[in-house]
Amino acid sequence: MNELTITPLENRVLQEILRGDSEVNRQLRNQLEHATIRERELTGVGFFLNFDVPKHLSISDSLNRTIGNVHAEVTRLEHGMGFVLFITHGLIDVLEGFTYGYEEFDPACEIISLRDIQSKP
């Protein structure tokens, strides 16, 4: 069986999204340590990374939210990328990466810099 692994780009983005000492972020980082990748879908202008996380690690069955505060400057893309992490029923569900405009996503791109677009300089 061909097991999918998190790419360096995905890993850096997830670490940035989940940084901080809040209890929710600590629990989500714990989930990430126990997660497996169910599927990676390349869309042409980004990707969807779908996770399987053990249900007993759910923060709360009623917790549904998106965390989308990271922008990345990357090689091979003029305008960079944005990212959204979907939490469904208290579990990490999907990481979406997308280019701005119609730039084609190159899975071989590398991060030049990351920034939290909700933080003030």
N, C-alpha and C. Protein backbone atom coordinates (compact mmCIF):
# COMPACT_ATOMS: atom_id res chain seq x y z
N MET A 1 0.84 -1.19 0.00
CA MET A 1 0.00 0.00 0.00
C MET A 1 0.88 1.25 0.00
N ASN A 2 0.54 2.22 -0.80
CA ASN A 2 1.31 3.46 -0.92
C ASN A 2 0.79 4.46 0.13
N GLU A 3 1.55 4.65 1.20
CA GLU A 3 1.14 5.55 2.27
C GLU A 3 1.53 6.99 1.93
N LEU A 4 0.56 7.91 2.05
CA LEU A 4 0.81 9.32 1.78
C LEU A 4 1.47 9.97 2.98
N THR A 5 2.39 10.88 2.72
CA THR A 5 3.05 11.61 3.80
C THR A 5 2.90 13.11 3.56
N ILE A 6 3.00 13.87 4.63
CA ILE A 6 2.90 15.32 4.56
C ILE A 6 4.16 15.87 3.91
N THR A 7 3.99 16.78 2.96
CA THR A 7 5.14 17.40 2.28
C THR A 7 5.74 18.47 3.21
N PRO A 8 6.99 18.89 2.95
CA PRO A 8 7.58 19.97 3.75
C PRO A 8 6.73 21.25 3.73
N LEU A 9 6.16 21.61 2.58
CA LEU A 9 5.30 22.79 2.50
C LEU A 9 4.09 22.63 3.41
N GLU A 10 3.40 21.52 3.32
CA GLU A 10 2.22 21.28 4.14
C GLU A 10 2.57 21.29 5.63
N ASN A 11 3.68 20.67 5.98
CA ASN A 11 4.10 20.61 7.37
C ASN A 11 4.36 22.01 7.94
N ARG A 12 5.09 22.83 7.20
CA ARG A 12 5.38 24.19 7.69
C ARG A 12 4.12 25.00 7.84
N VAL A 13 3.20 24.87 6.90
CA VAL A 13 1.94 25.61 6.98
C VAL A 13 1.12 25.15 8.18
N LEU A 14 1.02 23.85 8.39
CA LEU A 14 0.26 23.33 9.53
C LEU A 14 0.87 23.80 10.85
N GLN A 15 2.19 23.79 10.94
CA GLN A 15 2.84 24.26 12.17
C GLN A 15 2.54 25.73 12.42
N GLU A 16 2.50 26.52 11.36
CA GLU A 16 2.20 27.95 11.50
C GLU A 16 0.73 28.16 11.90
N ILE A 17 -0.17 27.45 11.27
CA ILE A 17 -1.58 27.59 11.59
C ILE A 17 -1.85 27.21 13.04
N LEU A 18 -1.18 26.17 13.53
CA LEU A 18 -1.46 25.64 14.85
C LEU A 18 -0.49 26.12 15.93
N ARG A 19 0.30 27.14 15.62
CA ARG A 19 1.22 27.63 16.66
C ARG A 19 0.43 28.38 17.72
N GLY A 20 1.05 28.55 18.84
CA GLY A 20 0.37 29.22 19.94
C GLY A 20 0.05 28.24 21.05
N ASP A 21 -0.23 28.78 22.21
CA ASP A 21 -0.39 27.96 23.40
C ASP A 21 -1.84 27.75 23.83
N SER A 22 -2.79 28.07 22.98
CA SER A 22 -4.17 27.85 23.38
C SER A 22 -4.43 26.35 23.54
N GLU A 23 -5.37 26.01 24.38
CA GLU A 23 -5.72 24.60 24.61
C GLU A 23 -6.21 23.95 23.31
N VAL A 24 -6.98 24.68 22.53
CA VAL A 24 -7.47 24.13 21.25
C VAL A 24 -6.30 23.83 20.33
N ASN A 25 -5.34 24.74 20.20
CA ASN A 25 -4.18 24.49 19.33
C ASN A 25 -3.35 23.31 19.84
N ARG A 26 -3.20 23.19 21.15
CA ARG A 26 -2.45 22.04 21.69
C ARG A 26 -3.16 20.73 21.32
N GLN A 27 -4.47 20.71 21.45
CA GLN A 27 -5.21 19.49 21.12
C GLN A 27 -5.17 19.19 19.62
N LEU A 28 -5.22 20.24 18.80
CA LEU A 28 -5.14 20.03 17.35
C LEU A 28 -3.75 19.54 16.95
N ARG A 29 -2.70 20.05 17.60
CA ARG A 29 -1.34 19.54 17.31
C ARG A 29 -1.24 18.07 17.71
N ASN A 30 -1.87 17.69 18.82
CA ASN A 30 -1.88 16.29 19.22
C ASN A 30 -2.61 15.44 18.18
N GLN A 31 -3.71 15.94 17.67
CA GLN A 31 -4.43 15.22 16.61
C GLN A 31 -3.54 15.02 15.39
N LEU A 32 -2.82 16.07 15.03
CA LEU A 32 -1.96 16.00 13.85
C LEU A 32 -0.90 14.90 14.00
N GLU A 33 -0.39 14.74 15.21
CA GLU A 33 0.61 13.69 15.47
C GLU A 33 0.04 12.29 15.24
N HIS A 34 -1.27 12.14 15.42
CA HIS A 34 -1.91 10.83 15.29
C HIS A 34 -2.68 10.67 13.97
N ALA A 35 -2.66 11.69 13.15
CA ALA A 35 -3.43 11.68 11.91
C ALA A 35 -2.72 10.89 10.81
N THR A 36 -3.52 10.37 9.92
CA THR A 36 -3.00 9.81 8.67
C THR A 36 -3.66 10.58 7.53
N ILE A 37 -3.01 10.56 6.39
CA ILE A 37 -3.55 11.25 5.22
C ILE A 37 -4.40 10.26 4.44
N ARG A 38 -5.66 10.63 4.28
CA ARG A 38 -6.59 9.79 3.52
C ARG A 38 -6.42 10.00 2.02
N GLU A 39 -6.24 11.27 1.63
CA GLU A 39 -6.17 11.60 0.20
C GLU A 39 -5.55 12.97 0.01
N ARG A 40 -4.83 13.15 -1.08
CA ARG A 40 -4.34 14.45 -1.51
C ARG A 40 -4.90 14.68 -2.91
N GLU A 41 -5.68 15.73 -3.05
CA GLU A 41 -6.28 16.05 -4.35
C GLU A 41 -5.64 17.33 -4.88
N LEU A 42 -5.01 17.23 -6.04
CA LEU A 42 -4.44 18.40 -6.71
C LEU A 42 -5.50 18.96 -7.64
N THR A 43 -5.79 20.26 -7.51
CA THR A 43 -6.88 20.87 -8.27
C THR A 43 -6.41 21.67 -9.48
N GLY A 44 -5.10 21.85 -9.61
CA GLY A 44 -4.57 22.71 -10.67
C GLY A 44 -4.19 24.07 -10.12
N VAL A 45 -5.01 24.60 -9.23
CA VAL A 45 -4.71 25.89 -8.60
C VAL A 45 -4.52 25.73 -7.09
N GLY A 46 -4.23 24.52 -6.66
CA GLY A 46 -4.01 24.25 -5.25
C GLY A 46 -4.18 22.78 -4.93
N PHE A 47 -4.57 22.51 -3.68
CA PHE A 47 -4.73 21.13 -3.25
C PHE A 47 -5.68 21.04 -2.06
N PHE A 48 -6.19 19.84 -1.86
CA PHE A 48 -6.92 19.47 -0.65
C PHE A 48 -6.19 18.28 -0.05
N LEU A 49 -5.83 18.40 1.21
CA LEU A 49 -5.19 17.31 1.94
C LEU A 49 -6.19 16.84 2.99
N ASN A 50 -6.71 15.62 2.80
CA ASN A 50 -7.76 15.07 3.65
C ASN A 50 -7.16 14.14 4.69
N PHE A 51 -7.54 14.36 5.96
CA PHE A 51 -6.98 13.61 7.07
C PHE A 51 -7.98 12.62 7.66
N ASP A 52 -7.45 11.56 8.25
CA ASP A 52 -8.19 10.69 9.15
C ASP A 52 -7.56 10.84 10.53
N VAL A 53 -8.37 11.20 11.51
CA VAL A 53 -7.91 11.38 12.89
C VAL A 53 -8.78 10.48 13.77
N PRO A 54 -8.17 9.76 14.71
CA PRO A 54 -8.97 8.93 15.61
C PRO A 54 -10.07 9.74 16.30
N LYS A 55 -11.28 9.25 16.25
CA LYS A 55 -12.44 9.99 16.77
C LYS A 55 -12.33 10.29 18.26
N HIS A 56 -11.65 9.45 19.02
CA HIS A 56 -11.55 9.70 20.46
C HIS A 56 -10.71 10.95 20.78
N LEU A 57 -10.03 11.51 19.79
CA LEU A 57 -9.24 12.74 19.99
C LEU A 57 -10.05 14.01 19.72
N SER A 58 -11.34 13.86 19.40
CA SER A 58 -12.17 15.02 19.10
C SER A 58 -12.20 15.99 20.28
N ILE A 59 -12.06 17.27 19.98
CA ILE A 59 -12.15 18.31 21.00
C ILE A 59 -13.59 18.43 21.47
N SER A 60 -14.51 18.48 20.53
CA SER A 60 -15.94 18.58 20.80
C SER A 60 -16.67 18.26 19.51
N ASP A 61 -17.66 17.41 19.59
CA ASP A 61 -18.39 17.01 18.39
C ASP A 61 -19.07 18.21 17.72
N SER A 62 -19.31 19.27 18.49
CA SER A 62 -19.99 20.44 17.94
C SER A 62 -19.02 21.50 17.40
N LEU A 63 -17.70 21.26 17.51
CA LEU A 63 -16.72 22.25 17.05
C LEU A 63 -16.50 22.11 15.55
N ASN A 64 -16.97 23.10 14.79
CA ASN A 64 -16.75 23.17 13.34
C ASN A 64 -16.25 24.57 13.05
N ARG A 65 -15.06 24.67 12.49
CA ARG A 65 -14.50 25.99 12.20
C ARG A 65 -13.44 25.87 11.11
N THR A 66 -13.09 27.03 10.58
CA THR A 66 -11.97 27.11 9.65
C THR A 66 -10.94 28.03 10.27
N ILE A 67 -9.69 27.69 10.04
CA ILE A 67 -8.58 28.53 10.45
C ILE A 67 -7.83 28.86 9.18
N GLY A 68 -7.82 30.12 8.80
CA GLY A 68 -7.22 30.49 7.52
C GLY A 68 -6.42 31.76 7.62
N ASN A 69 -5.38 31.72 8.40
CA ASN A 69 -4.64 32.94 8.68
C ASN A 69 -3.23 32.96 8.11
N VAL A 70 -2.90 32.04 7.21
CA VAL A 70 -1.52 31.93 6.74
C VAL A 70 -1.42 32.22 5.24
N HIS A 71 -0.46 33.08 4.90
CA HIS A 71 -0.10 33.36 3.52
C HIS A 71 1.35 32.94 3.34
N ALA A 72 1.66 32.34 2.22
CA ALA A 72 3.03 31.90 1.93
C ALA A 72 3.51 32.49 0.62
N GLU A 73 4.70 33.05 0.67
CA GLU A 73 5.43 33.36 -0.56
C GLU A 73 6.16 32.08 -0.92
N VAL A 74 5.97 31.62 -2.15
CA VAL A 74 6.57 30.35 -2.56
C VAL A 74 7.27 30.51 -3.91
N THR A 75 8.22 29.61 -4.14
CA THR A 75 8.89 29.59 -5.43
C THR A 75 7.88 29.20 -6.49
N ARG A 76 8.09 29.65 -7.69
CA ARG A 76 7.29 29.29 -8.87
C ARG A 76 5.91 29.92 -8.93
N LEU A 77 5.56 30.78 -7.94
CA LEU A 77 4.27 31.46 -7.96
C LEU A 77 4.48 32.94 -7.69
N GLU A 78 4.01 33.78 -8.58
CA GLU A 78 4.21 35.22 -8.44
C GLU A 78 3.46 35.80 -7.24
N HIS A 79 2.25 35.30 -6.97
CA HIS A 79 1.40 35.91 -5.94
C HIS A 79 1.28 35.09 -4.66
N GLY A 80 1.97 33.97 -4.57
CA GLY A 80 1.94 33.17 -3.36
C GLY A 80 0.69 32.32 -3.22
N MET A 81 0.48 31.87 -1.98
CA MET A 81 -0.62 30.95 -1.70
C MET A 81 -1.29 31.31 -0.37
N GLY A 82 -2.53 30.91 -0.24
CA GLY A 82 -3.25 30.99 1.02
C GLY A 82 -3.64 29.59 1.45
N PHE A 83 -3.96 29.46 2.74
CA PHE A 83 -4.26 28.14 3.29
C PHE A 83 -5.41 28.23 4.28
N VAL A 84 -6.24 27.21 4.30
CA VAL A 84 -7.36 27.11 5.25
C VAL A 84 -7.36 25.70 5.81
N LEU A 85 -7.44 25.60 7.15
CA LEU A 85 -7.56 24.32 7.82
C LEU A 85 -8.99 24.18 8.31
N PHE A 86 -9.65 23.10 7.89
CA PHE A 86 -11.04 22.84 8.27
C PHE A 86 -11.06 21.87 9.46
N ILE A 87 -11.77 22.27 10.50
CA ILE A 87 -12.01 21.43 11.67
C ILE A 87 -13.48 21.02 11.63
N THR A 88 -13.74 19.71 11.63
CA THR A 88 -15.11 19.20 11.54
C THR A 88 -15.36 18.24 12.69
N HIS A 89 -16.41 18.52 13.45
CA HIS A 89 -16.77 17.71 14.63
C HIS A 89 -15.58 17.58 15.58
N GLY A 90 -14.82 18.68 15.72
CA GLY A 90 -13.72 18.70 16.66
C GLY A 90 -12.45 18.02 16.20
N LEU A 91 -12.39 17.63 14.93
CA LEU A 91 -11.22 16.92 14.39
C LEU A 91 -10.65 17.65 13.17
N ILE A 92 -9.33 17.62 13.04
CA ILE A 92 -8.70 18.12 11.82
C ILE A 92 -9.25 17.30 10.66
N ASP A 93 -9.73 18.00 9.64
CA ASP A 93 -10.38 17.32 8.53
C ASP A 93 -9.63 17.53 7.21
N VAL A 94 -9.48 18.80 6.81
CA VAL A 94 -8.90 19.10 5.49
C VAL A 94 -8.01 20.33 5.59
N LEU A 95 -6.85 20.27 4.95
CA LEU A 95 -6.02 21.45 4.70
C LEU A 95 -6.19 21.79 3.23
N GLU A 96 -6.63 23.02 2.96
CA GLU A 96 -6.74 23.50 1.58
C GLU A 96 -5.64 24.51 1.33
N GLY A 97 -4.93 24.34 0.23
CA GLY A 97 -3.96 25.32 -0.24
C GLY A 97 -4.41 25.84 -1.58
N PHE A 98 -4.31 27.14 -1.79
CA PHE A 98 -4.81 27.71 -3.04
C PHE A 98 -3.92 28.86 -3.49
N THR A 99 -3.82 28.99 -4.80
CA THR A 99 -3.10 30.12 -5.38
C THR A 99 -4.08 31.27 -5.53
N TYR A 100 -3.54 32.45 -5.69
CA TYR A 100 -4.37 33.64 -5.90
C TYR A 100 -4.50 33.86 -7.41
N GLY A 101 -5.69 34.18 -7.86
CA GLY A 101 -5.90 34.35 -9.29
C GLY A 101 -5.96 32.99 -9.96
N TYR A 102 -5.31 32.90 -11.10
CA TYR A 102 -5.37 31.66 -11.87
C TYR A 102 -4.01 31.01 -12.03
N GLU A 103 -3.08 31.33 -11.14
CA GLU A 103 -1.77 30.71 -11.24
C GLU A 103 -1.87 29.22 -10.97
N GLU A 104 -1.16 28.45 -11.77
CA GLU A 104 -1.18 27.01 -11.61
C GLU A 104 -0.27 26.59 -10.45
N PHE A 105 -0.78 25.73 -9.58
CA PHE A 105 -0.02 25.23 -8.44
C PHE A 105 0.99 24.21 -8.90
N ASP A 106 2.22 24.37 -8.45
CA ASP A 106 3.29 23.43 -8.74
C ASP A 106 3.62 22.69 -7.44
N PRO A 107 3.32 21.39 -7.35
CA PRO A 107 3.58 20.65 -6.11
C PRO A 107 5.04 20.67 -5.67
N ALA A 108 5.95 21.02 -6.57
CA ALA A 108 7.37 21.07 -6.22
C ALA A 108 7.78 22.44 -5.65
N CYS A 109 6.84 23.37 -5.51
CA CYS A 109 7.20 24.70 -5.00
C CYS A 109 7.67 24.60 -3.55
N GLU A 110 8.47 25.58 -3.15
CA GLU A 110 9.00 25.62 -1.79
C GLU A 110 8.66 26.96 -1.16
N ILE A 111 8.52 26.95 0.15
CA ILE A 111 8.18 28.16 0.88
C ILE A 111 9.40 29.07 0.99
N ILE A 112 9.19 30.34 0.63
CA ILE A 112 10.20 31.38 0.84
C ILE A 112 9.96 32.03 2.21
N SER A 113 8.69 32.38 2.47
CA SER A 113 8.33 32.95 3.76
C SER A 113 6.86 32.69 4.06
N LEU A 114 6.56 32.68 5.35
CA LEU A 114 5.18 32.52 5.83
C LEU A 114 4.83 33.73 6.67
N ARG A 115 3.57 34.12 6.63
CA ARG A 115 3.14 35.17 7.54
C ARG A 115 1.69 34.95 7.95
N ASP A 116 1.42 35.35 9.15
CA ASP A 116 0.07 35.30 9.71
C ASP A 116 -0.62 36.55 9.25
N ILE A 117 -1.64 36.44 8.41
CA ILE A 117 -2.28 37.62 7.84
C ILE A 117 -3.22 38.29 8.80
N GLN A 118 -3.44 37.69 9.99
CA GLN A 118 -4.29 38.33 10.99
C GLN A 118 -3.48 39.11 12.00
N SER A 119 -2.16 38.90 12.04
CA SER A 119 -1.32 39.63 12.99
C SER A 119 -1.02 41.01 12.49
N LYS A 120 -0.83 41.91 13.39
CA LYS A 120 -0.42 43.27 13.03
C LYS A 120 1.11 43.31 13.01
N PRO A 121 1.71 44.05 12.06
CA PRO A 121 3.18 44.11 11.97
C PRO A 121 3.80 44.73 13.21
